[in-house]
Amino acid sequence: MVNLDLDNKFKIRSDNLQFLLIERSLNREKVVGYFATIQGAIEGYINLKIRLSQASNINELLACIKTLQTRLNKSIAPLQLECVSKKEEKNGN
């Protein structure tokens, strides 16, 4: 079973049917999303973090996304996955 810390507030946990995106606060945990795949759970986390960001212009939003990519690549390294942008995928980078 997967039990992966993404940051100090979110983690991904799995059972035999699904992957759960969990938000931690104080001594409580709240499931914020259910996903069929680990990739779906990671994408859900990225989308949530982008929606919760305080970015007020495109440069701040891009910096937020880049920070997320770096953090995720460190977190998911044990799973041998890599978080890349669609642009990097298309360019073969």
PDB file of N, CA and C in Angstrom:
ATOM      1  N   MET A   1       0.834  -1.177   0.000  1.00  0.00           N
ATOM      2  CA  MET A   1       0.000   0.000   0.000  1.00  0.00           C
ATOM      3  C   MET A   1       0.885   1.249   0.000  1.00  0.00           C
ATOM      4  N   VAL A   2       0.469   2.244  -0.760  1.00  0.00           N
ATOM      5  CA  VAL A   2       1.211   3.498  -0.858  1.00  0.00           C
ATOM      6  C   VAL A   2       0.844   4.403   0.313  1.00  0.00           C
ATOM      7  N   ASN A   3       1.849   5.033   0.906  1.00  0.00           N
ATOM      8  CA  ASN A   3       1.664   6.060   1.923  1.00  0.00           C
ATOM      9  C   ASN A   3       2.759   7.091   1.676  1.00  0.00           C
ATOM     10  N   LEU A   4       2.454   8.078   0.836  1.00  0.00           N
ATOM     11  CA  LEU A   4       3.454   8.991   0.298  1.00  0.00           C
ATOM     12  C   LEU A   4       3.176  10.425   0.739  1.00  0.00           C
ATOM     13  N   ASP A   5       4.098  11.017   1.492  1.00  0.00           N
ATOM     14  CA  ASP A   5       3.984  12.423   1.878  1.00  0.00           C
ATOM     15  C   ASP A   5       4.378  13.296   0.689  1.00  0.00           C
ATOM     16  N   LEU A   6       3.498  14.215   0.316  1.00  0.00           N
ATOM     17  CA  LEU A   6       3.785  15.138  -0.780  1.00  0.00           C
ATOM     18  C   LEU A   6       4.367  16.444  -0.255  1.00  0.00           C
ATOM     19  N   ASP A   7       3.842  16.903   0.852  1.00  0.00           N
ATOM     20  CA  ASP A   7       4.355  18.073   1.559  1.00  0.00           C
ATOM     21  C   ASP A   7       3.860  17.970   2.997  1.00  0.00           C
ATOM     22  N   ASN A   8       3.989  19.045   3.754  1.00  0.00           N
ATOM     23  CA  ASN A   8       3.596  18.961   5.164  1.00  0.00           C
ATOM     24  C   ASN A   8       2.083  18.971   5.361  1.00  0.00           C
ATOM     25  N   LYS A   9       1.315  19.174   4.289  1.00  0.00           N
ATOM     26  CA  LYS A   9      -0.137  19.246   4.406  1.00  0.00           C
ATOM     27  C   LYS A   9      -0.873  18.141   3.641  1.00  0.00           C
ATOM     28  N   PHE A  10      -0.250  17.564   2.616  1.00  0.00           N
ATOM     29  CA  PHE A  10      -0.924  16.578   1.776  1.00  0.00           C
ATOM     30  C   PHE A  10      -0.121  15.290   1.655  1.00  0.00           C
ATOM     31  N   LYS A  11      -0.851  14.193   1.502  1.00  0.00           N
ATOM     32  CA  LYS A  11      -0.223  12.905   1.243  1.00  0.00           C
ATOM     33  C   LYS A  11      -1.152  12.073   0.370  1.00  0.00           C
ATOM     34  N   ILE A  12      -0.581  11.030  -0.220  1.00  0.00           N
ATOM     35  CA  ILE A  12      -1.354  10.070  -0.999  1.00  0.00           C
ATOM     36  C   ILE A  12      -1.260   8.734  -0.281  1.00  0.00           C
ATOM     37  N   ARG A  13      -2.403   8.117  -0.102  1.00  0.00           N
ATOM     38  CA  ARG A  13      -2.469   6.793   0.505  1.00  0.00           C
ATOM     39  C   ARG A  13      -3.293   5.918  -0.435  1.00  0.00           C
ATOM     40  N   SER A  14      -3.052   4.625  -0.409  1.00  0.00           N
ATOM     41  CA  SER A  14      -3.829   3.726  -1.262  1.00  0.00           C
ATOM     42  C   SER A  14      -4.396   2.581  -0.434  1.00  0.00           C
ATOM     43  N   ASP A  15      -5.451   2.011  -0.968  1.00  0.00           N
ATOM     44  CA  ASP A  15      -5.944   0.734  -0.467  1.00  0.00           C
ATOM     45  C   ASP A  15      -5.975  -0.191  -1.676  1.00  0.00           C
ATOM     46  N   ASN A  16      -6.655  -1.299  -1.594  1.00  0.00           N
ATOM     47  CA  ASN A  16      -6.619  -2.238  -2.715  1.00  0.00           C
ATOM     48  C   ASN A  16      -7.486  -1.803  -3.892  1.00  0.00           C
ATOM     49  N   LEU A  17      -8.224  -0.703  -3.778  1.00  0.00           N
ATOM     50  CA  LEU A  17      -9.099  -0.254  -4.855  1.00  0.00           C
ATOM     51  C   LEU A  17      -8.749   1.100  -5.448  1.00  0.00           C
ATOM     52  N   GLN A  18      -8.091   1.960  -4.691  1.00  0.00           N
ATOM     53  CA  GLN A  18      -7.952   3.346  -5.133  1.00  0.00           C
ATOM     54  C   GLN A  18      -6.793   4.050  -4.454  1.00  0.00           C
ATOM     55  N   PHE A  19      -6.517   5.248  -4.954  1.00  0.00           N
ATOM     56  CA  PHE A  19      -5.543   6.149  -4.346  1.00  0.00           C
ATOM     57  C   PHE A  19      -6.317   7.328  -3.774  1.00  0.00           C
ATOM     58  N   LEU A  20      -5.957   7.726  -2.569  1.00  0.00           N
ATOM     59  CA  LEU A  20      -6.652   8.811  -1.884  1.00  0.00           C
ATOM     60  C   LEU A  20      -5.697   9.987  -1.694  1.00  0.00           C
ATOM     61  N   LEU A  21      -6.153  11.178  -2.048  1.00  0.00           N
ATOM     62  CA  LEU A  21      -5.415  12.401  -1.763  1.00  0.00           C
ATOM     63  C   LEU A  21      -5.957  12.926  -0.439  1.00  0.00           C
ATOM     64  N   ILE A  22      -5.071  13.052   0.541  1.00  0.00           N
ATOM     65  CA  ILE A  22      -5.479  13.370   1.900  1.00  0.00           C
ATOM     66  C   ILE A  22      -4.843  14.679   2.339  1.00  0.00           C
ATOM     67  N   GLU A  23      -5.674  15.542   2.926  1.00  0.00           N
ATOM     68  CA  GLU A  23      -5.196  16.795   3.511  1.00  0.00           C
ATOM     69  C   GLU A  23      -5.107  16.621   5.019  1.00  0.00           C
ATOM     70  N   ARG A  24      -3.961  16.977   5.570  1.00  0.00           N
ATOM     71  CA  ARG A  24      -3.759  16.893   7.019  1.00  0.00           C
ATOM     72  C   ARG A  24      -3.869  18.283   7.625  1.00  0.00           C
ATOM     73  N   SER A  25      -4.543  18.371   8.763  1.00  0.00           N
ATOM     74  CA  SER A  25      -4.595  19.622   9.520  1.00  0.00           C
ATOM     75  C   SER A  25      -4.724  19.266  10.995  1.00  0.00           C
ATOM     76  N   LEU A  26      -3.865  19.872  11.774  1.00  0.00           N
ATOM     77  CA  LEU A  26      -3.790  19.562  13.210  1.00  0.00           C
ATOM     78  C   LEU A  26      -3.703  18.057  13.408  1.00  0.00           C
ATOM     79  N   ASN A  27      -4.663  17.455  14.078  1.00  0.00           N
ATOM     80  CA  ASN A  27      -4.640  16.008  14.304  1.00  0.00           C
ATOM     81  C   ASN A  27      -5.680  15.281  13.475  1.00  0.00           C
ATOM     82  N   ARG A  28      -6.116  15.898  12.392  1.00  0.00           N
ATOM     83  CA  ARG A  28      -7.167  15.311  11.555  1.00  0.00           C
ATOM     84  C   ARG A  28      -6.675  15.108  10.132  1.00  0.00           C
ATOM     85  N   GLU A  29      -7.296  14.158   9.460  1.00  0.00           N
ATOM     86  CA  GLU A  29      -7.037  13.922   8.042  1.00  0.00           C
ATOM     87  C   GLU A  29      -8.371  13.948   7.317  1.00  0.00           C
ATOM     88  N   LYS A  30      -8.369  14.566   6.136  1.00  0.00           N
ATOM     89  CA  LYS A  30      -9.593  14.674   5.337  1.00  0.00           C
ATOM     90  C   LYS A  30      -9.278  14.230   3.920  1.00  0.00           C
ATOM     91  N   VAL A  31     -10.049  13.288   3.399  1.00  0.00           N
ATOM     92  CA  VAL A  31      -9.870  12.851   2.014  1.00  0.00           C
ATOM     93  C   VAL A  31     -10.441  13.930   1.107  1.00  0.00           C
ATOM     94  N   VAL A  32      -9.601  14.432   0.200  1.00  0.00           N
ATOM     95  CA  VAL A  32     -10.056  15.474  -0.727  1.00  0.00           C
ATOM     96  C   VAL A  32     -10.206  14.955  -2.153  1.00  0.00           C
ATOM     97  N   GLY A  33      -9.839  13.692  -2.392  1.00  0.00           N
ATOM     98  CA  GLY A  33     -10.014  13.118  -3.709  1.00  0.00           C
ATOM     99  C   GLY A  33      -9.733  11.629  -3.747  1.00  0.00           C
ATOM    100  N   TYR A  34     -10.486  10.944  -4.595  1.00  0.00           N
ATOM    101  CA  TYR A  34     -10.322   9.509  -4.832  1.00  0.00           C
ATOM    102  C   TYR A  34      -9.921   9.324  -6.290  1.00  0.00           C
ATOM    103  N   PHE A  35      -8.903   8.493  -6.547  1.00  0.00           N
ATOM    104  CA  PHE A  35      -8.366   8.347  -7.897  1.00  0.00           C
ATOM    105  C   PHE A  35      -8.084   6.883  -8.213  1.00  0.00           C
ATOM    106  N   ALA A  36      -8.229   6.531  -9.470  1.00  0.00           N
ATOM    107  CA  ALA A  36      -7.984   5.164  -9.914  1.00  0.00           C
ATOM    108  C   ALA A  36      -6.492   4.861 -10.070  1.00  0.00           C
ATOM    109  N   THR A  37      -5.689   5.903 -10.331  1.00  0.00           N
ATOM    110  CA  THR A  37      -4.254   5.713 -10.557  1.00  0.00           C
ATOM    111  C   THR A  37      -3.440   6.676  -9.707  1.00  0.00           C
ATOM    112  N   ILE A  38      -2.180   6.333  -9.481  1.00  0.00           N
ATOM    113  CA  ILE A  38      -1.276   7.224  -8.760  1.00  0.00           C
ATOM    114  C   ILE A  38      -1.064   8.509  -9.550  1.00  0.00           C
ATOM    115  N   GLN A  39      -1.004   8.400 -10.876  1.00  0.00           N
ATOM    116  CA  GLN A  39      -0.848   9.590 -11.712  1.00  0.00           C
ATOM    117  C   GLN A  39      -2.042  10.525 -11.544  1.00  0.00           C
ATOM    118  N   GLY A  40      -3.232   9.957 -11.466  1.00  0.00           N
ATOM    119  CA  GLY A  40      -4.430  10.766 -11.257  1.00  0.00           C
ATOM    120  C   GLY A  40      -4.388  11.492  -9.921  1.00  0.00           C
ATOM    121  N   ALA A  41      -3.919  10.809  -8.880  1.00  0.00           N
ATOM    122  CA  ALA A  41      -3.815  11.426  -7.564  1.00  0.00           C
ATOM    123  C   ALA A  41      -2.795  12.565  -7.568  1.00  0.00           C
ATOM    124  N   ILE A  42      -1.688  12.364  -8.257  1.00  0.00           N
ATOM    125  CA  ILE A  42      -0.664  13.407  -8.352  1.00  0.00           C
ATOM    126  C   ILE A  42      -1.195  14.599  -9.134  1.00  0.00           C
ATOM    127  N   GLU A  43      -1.892  14.346 -10.238  1.00  0.00           N
ATOM    128  CA  GLU A  43      -2.496  15.435 -11.009  1.00  0.00           C
ATOM    129  C   GLU A  43      -3.540  16.176 -10.175  1.00  0.00           C
ATOM    130  N   GLY A  44      -4.310  15.442  -9.383  1.00  0.00           N
ATOM    131  CA  GLY A  44      -5.286  16.069  -8.499  1.00  0.00           C
ATOM    132  C   GLY A  44      -4.617  16.993  -7.495  1.00  0.00           C
ATOM    133  N   TYR A  45      -3.492  16.551  -6.947  1.00  0.00           N
ATOM    134  CA  TYR A  45      -2.723  17.375  -6.013  1.00  0.00           C
ATOM    135  C   TYR A  45      -2.219  18.641  -6.700  1.00  0.00           C
ATOM    136  N   ILE A  46      -1.662  18.492  -7.890  1.00  0.00           N
ATOM    137  CA  ILE A  46      -1.148  19.651  -8.631  1.00  0.00           C
ATOM    138  C   ILE A  46      -2.276  20.646  -8.900  1.00  0.00           C
ATOM    139  N   ASN A  47      -3.407  20.156  -9.396  1.00  0.00           N
ATOM    140  CA  ASN A  47      -4.533  21.044  -9.687  1.00  0.00           C
ATOM    141  C   ASN A  47      -5.025  21.749  -8.429  1.00  0.00           C
ATOM    142  N   LEU A  48      -5.110  21.034  -7.317  1.00  0.00           N
ATOM    143  CA  LEU A  48      -5.552  21.627  -6.061  1.00  0.00           C
ATOM    144  C   LEU A  48      -4.585  22.716  -5.604  1.00  0.00           C
ATOM    145  N   LYS A  49      -3.289  22.422  -5.631  1.00  0.00           N
ATOM    146  CA  LYS A  49      -2.294  23.404  -5.201  1.00  0.00           C
ATOM    147  C   LYS A  49      -2.311  24.643  -6.088  1.00  0.00           C
ATOM    148  N   ILE A  50      -2.527  24.469  -7.389  1.00  0.00           N
ATOM    149  CA  ILE A  50      -2.603  25.614  -8.296  1.00  0.00           C
ATOM    150  C   ILE A  50      -3.837  26.454  -7.963  1.00  0.00           C
ATOM    151  N   ARG A  51      -4.975  25.796  -7.739  1.00  0.00           N
ATOM    152  CA  ARG A  51      -6.199  26.532  -7.406  1.00  0.00           C
ATOM    153  C   ARG A  51      -6.072  27.259  -6.068  1.00  0.00           C
ATOM    154  N   LEU A  52      -5.324  26.705  -5.124  1.00  0.00           N
ATOM    155  CA  LEU A  52      -5.155  27.329  -3.816  1.00  0.00           C
ATOM    156  C   LEU A  52      -4.025  28.359  -3.780  1.00  0.00           C
ATOM    157  N   SER A  53      -3.271  28.474  -4.867  1.00  0.00           N
ATOM    158  CA  SER A  53      -2.129  29.394  -4.870  1.00  0.00           C
ATOM    159  C   SER A  53      -2.617  30.843  -4.792  1.00  0.00           C
ATOM    160  N   GLN A  54      -1.742  31.693  -4.348  1.00  0.00           N
ATOM    161  CA  GLN A  54      -2.032  33.125  -4.242  1.00  0.00           C
ATOM    162  C   GLN A  54      -1.468  33.890  -5.437  1.00  0.00           C
ATOM    163  N   ALA A  55      -1.183  33.189  -6.524  1.00  0.00           N
ATOM    164  CA  ALA A  55      -0.593  33.829  -7.709  1.00  0.00           C
ATOM    165  C   ALA A  55      -1.514  34.922  -8.242  1.00  0.00           C
ATOM    166  N   SER A  56      -0.911  36.054  -8.551  1.00  0.00           N
ATOM    167  CA  SER A  56      -1.696  37.170  -9.073  1.00  0.00           C
ATOM    168  C   SER A  56      -1.320  37.517 -10.512  1.00  0.00           C
ATOM    169  N   ASN A  57      -0.331  36.805 -11.060  1.00  0.00           N
ATOM    170  CA  ASN A  57       0.017  36.989 -12.474  1.00  0.00           C
ATOM    171  C   ASN A  57       0.619  35.692 -13.001  1.00  0.00           C
ATOM    172  N   ILE A  58       0.832  35.638 -14.289  1.00  0.00           N
ATOM    173  CA  ILE A  58       1.276  34.399 -14.936  1.00  0.00           C
ATOM    174  C   ILE A  58       2.666  33.981 -14.452  1.00  0.00           C
ATOM    175  N   ASN A  59       3.542  34.929 -14.202  1.00  0.00           N
ATOM    176  CA  ASN A  59       4.894  34.580 -13.739  1.00  0.00           C
ATOM    177  C   ASN A  59       4.863  33.924 -12.359  1.00  0.00           C
ATOM    178  N   GLU A  60       4.013  34.428 -11.476  1.00  0.00           N
ATOM    179  CA  GLU A  60       3.875  33.818 -10.157  1.00  0.00           C
ATOM    180  C   GLU A  60       3.271  32.422 -10.265  1.00  0.00           C
ATOM    181  N   LEU A  61       2.321  32.266 -11.168  1.00  0.00           N
ATOM    182  CA  LEU A  61       1.707  30.948 -11.369  1.00  0.00           C
ATOM    183  C   LEU A  61       2.721  29.953 -11.923  1.00  0.00           C
ATOM    184  N   LEU A  62       3.518  30.382 -12.888  1.00  0.00           N
ATOM    185  CA  LEU A  62       4.547  29.505 -13.451  1.00  0.00           C
ATOM    186  C   LEU A  62       5.591  29.127 -12.396  1.00  0.00           C
ATOM    187  N   ALA A  63       5.941  30.069 -11.533  1.00  0.00           N
ATOM    188  CA  ALA A  63       6.893  29.773 -10.446  1.00  0.00           C
ATOM    189  C   ALA A  63       6.293  28.750  -9.488  1.00  0.00           C
ATOM    190  N   CYS A  64       5.000  28.879  -9.208  1.00  0.00           N
ATOM    191  CA  CYS A  64       4.304  27.918  -8.344  1.00  0.00           C
ATOM    192  C   CYS A  64       4.342  26.523  -8.960  1.00  0.00           C
ATOM    193  N   ILE A  65       4.071  26.441 -10.244  1.00  0.00           N
ATOM    194  CA  ILE A  65       4.067  25.147 -10.943  1.00  0.00           C
ATOM    195  C   ILE A  65       5.459  24.536 -10.937  1.00  0.00           C
ATOM    196  N   LYS A  66       6.475  25.329 -11.178  1.00  0.00           N
ATOM    197  CA  LYS A  66       7.856  24.834 -11.189  1.00  0.00           C
ATOM    198  C   LYS A  66       8.248  24.314  -9.800  1.00  0.00           C
ATOM    199  N   THR A  67       7.854  25.034  -8.764  1.00  0.00           N
ATOM    200  CA  THR A  67       8.124  24.598  -7.396  1.00  0.00           C
ATOM    201  C   THR A  67       7.439  23.268  -7.118  1.00  0.00           C
ATOM    202  N   LEU A  68       6.183  23.137  -7.569  1.00  0.00           N
ATOM    203  CA  LEU A  68       5.455  21.881  -7.394  1.00  0.00           C
ATOM    204  C   LEU A  68       6.161  20.732  -8.099  1.00  0.00           C
ATOM    205  N   GLN A  69       6.621  20.966  -9.327  1.00  0.00           N
ATOM    206  CA  GLN A  69       7.329  19.919 -10.072  1.00  0.00           C
ATOM    207  C   GLN A  69       8.563  19.455  -9.314  1.00  0.00           C
ATOM    208  N   THR A  70       9.345  20.398  -8.811  1.00  0.00           N
ATOM    209  CA  THR A  70      10.568  20.055  -8.076  1.00  0.00           C
ATOM    210  C   THR A  70      10.236  19.262  -6.822  1.00  0.00           C
ATOM    211  N   ARG A  71       9.258  19.736  -6.056  1.00  0.00           N
ATOM    212  CA  ARG A  71       8.865  19.056  -4.818  1.00  0.00           C
ATOM    213  C   ARG A  71       8.346  17.654  -5.116  1.00  0.00           C
ATOM    214  N   LEU A  72       7.521  17.540  -6.153  1.00  0.00           N
ATOM    215  CA  LEU A  72       6.953  16.233  -6.481  1.00  0.00           C
ATOM    216  C   LEU A  72       8.016  15.250  -6.957  1.00  0.00           C
ATOM    217  N   ASN A  73       8.945  15.719  -7.753  1.00  0.00           N
ATOM    218  CA  ASN A  73       9.998  14.824  -8.226  1.00  0.00           C
ATOM    219  C   ASN A  73      10.794  14.247  -7.061  1.00  0.00           C
ATOM    220  N   LYS A  74      10.990  15.021  -5.997  1.00  0.00           N
ATOM    221  CA  LYS A  74      11.664  14.502  -4.805  1.00  0.00           C
ATOM    222  C   LYS A  74      10.768  13.515  -4.055  1.00  0.00           C
ATOM    223  N   SER A  75       9.480  13.850  -3.946  1.00  0.00           N
ATOM    224  CA  SER A  75       8.549  13.003  -3.188  1.00  0.00           C
ATOM    225  C   SER A  75       8.285  11.667  -3.863  1.00  0.00           C
ATOM    226  N   ILE A  76       8.186  11.682  -5.191  1.00  0.00           N
ATOM    227  CA  ILE A  76       7.802  10.457  -5.890  1.00  0.00           C
ATOM    228  C   ILE A  76       8.995   9.663  -6.410  1.00  0.00           C
ATOM    229  N   ALA A  77      10.194  10.111  -6.105  1.00  0.00           N
ATOM    230  CA  ALA A  77      11.394   9.391  -6.543  1.00  0.00           C
ATOM    231  C   ALA A  77      11.365   7.911  -6.174  1.00  0.00           C
ATOM    232  N   PRO A  78      10.905   7.534  -4.971  1.00  0.00           N
ATOM    233  CA  PRO A  78      10.866   6.105  -4.640  1.00  0.00           C
ATOM    234  C   PRO A  78       9.929   5.297  -5.543  1.00  0.00           C
ATOM    235  N   LEU A  79       8.972   5.974  -6.170  1.00  0.00           N
ATOM    236  CA  LEU A  79       8.043   5.275  -7.068  1.00  0.00           C
ATOM    237  C   LEU A  79       8.577   5.168  -8.490  1.00  0.00           C
ATOM    238  N   GLN A  80       9.729   5.785  -8.741  1.00  0.00           N
ATOM    239  CA  GLN A  80      10.355   5.809 -10.054  1.00  0.00           C
ATOM    240  C   GLN A  80       9.439   6.439 -11.094  1.00  0.00           C
ATOM    241  N   LEU A  81       8.768   7.521 -10.711  1.00  0.00           N
ATOM    242  CA  LEU A  81       7.958   8.327 -11.607  1.00  0.00           C
ATOM    243  C   LEU A  81       8.613   9.698 -11.702  1.00  0.00           C
ATOM    244  N   GLU A  82       8.233  10.468 -12.707  1.00  0.00           N
ATOM    245  CA  GLU A  82       8.751  11.817 -12.828  1.00  0.00           C
ATOM    246  C   GLU A  82       7.629  12.737 -13.254  1.00  0.00           C
ATOM    247  N   CYS A  83       7.579  13.898 -12.647  1.00  0.00           N
ATOM    248  CA  CYS A  83       6.569  14.908 -12.953  1.00  0.00           C
ATOM    249  C   CYS A  83       7.166  15.862 -13.985  1.00  0.00           C
ATOM    250  N   VAL A  84       6.606  15.880 -15.187  1.00  0.00           N
ATOM    251  CA  VAL A  84       7.054  16.796 -16.228  1.00  0.00           C
ATOM    252  C   VAL A  84       5.844  17.519 -16.794  1.00  0.00           C
ATOM    253  N   SER A  85       6.095  18.692 -17.337  1.00  0.00           N
ATOM    254  CA  SER A  85       5.011  19.444 -17.947  1.00  0.00           C
ATOM    255  C   SER A  85       4.687  18.853 -19.314  1.00  0.00           C
ATOM    256  N   LYS A  86       3.496  19.140 -19.818  1.00  0.00           N
ATOM    257  CA  LYS A  86       3.092  18.664 -21.148  1.00  0.00           C
ATOM    258  C   LYS A  86       4.038  19.178 -22.205  1.00  0.00           C
ATOM    259  N   LYS A  87       4.527  20.421 -22.070  1.00  0.00           N
ATOM    260  CA  LYS A  87       5.461  21.002 -23.018  1.00  0.00           C
ATOM    261  C   LYS A  87       6.756  20.199 -23.041  1.00  0.00           C
ATOM    262  N   GLU A  88       7.279  19.834 -21.856  1.00  0.00           N
ATOM    263  CA  GLU A  88       8.506  19.043 -21.789  1.00  0.00           C
ATOM    264  C   GLU A  88       8.295  17.663 -22.387  1.00  0.00           C
ATOM    265  N   GLU A  89       7.095  17.087 -22.192  1.00  0.00           N
ATOM    266  CA  GLU A  89       6.772  15.783 -22.785  1.00  0.00           C
ATOM    267  C   GLU A  89       6.831  15.857 -24.305  1.00  0.00           C
ATOM    268  N   LYS A  90       6.217  16.878 -24.885  1.00  0.00           N
ATOM    269  CA  LYS A  90       6.166  17.047 -26.344  1.00  0.00           C
ATOM    270  C   LYS A  90       7.548  17.259 -26.936  1.00  0.00           C
ATOM    271  N   ASN A  91       8.392  18.007 -26.212  1.00  0.00           N
ATOM    272  CA  ASN A  91       9.729  18.305 -26.706  1.00  0.00           C
ATOM    273  C   ASN A  91      10.728  17.171 -26.452  1.00  0.00           C
ATOM    274  N   GLY A  92      10.313  16.166 -25.700  1.00  0.00           N
ATOM    275  CA  GLY A  92      11.184  15.042 -25.417  1.00  0.00           C
ATOM    276  C   GLY A  92      12.211  15.332 -24.349  1.00  0.00           C
ATOM    277  N   ASN A  93      12.007  16.364 -23.539  1.00  0.00           N
ATOM    278  CA  ASN A  93      12.937  16.730 -22.451  1.00  0.00           C
ATOM    279  C   ASN A  93      12.616  15.980 -21.204  1.00  0.00           C
TER     280      ASN A  93
END
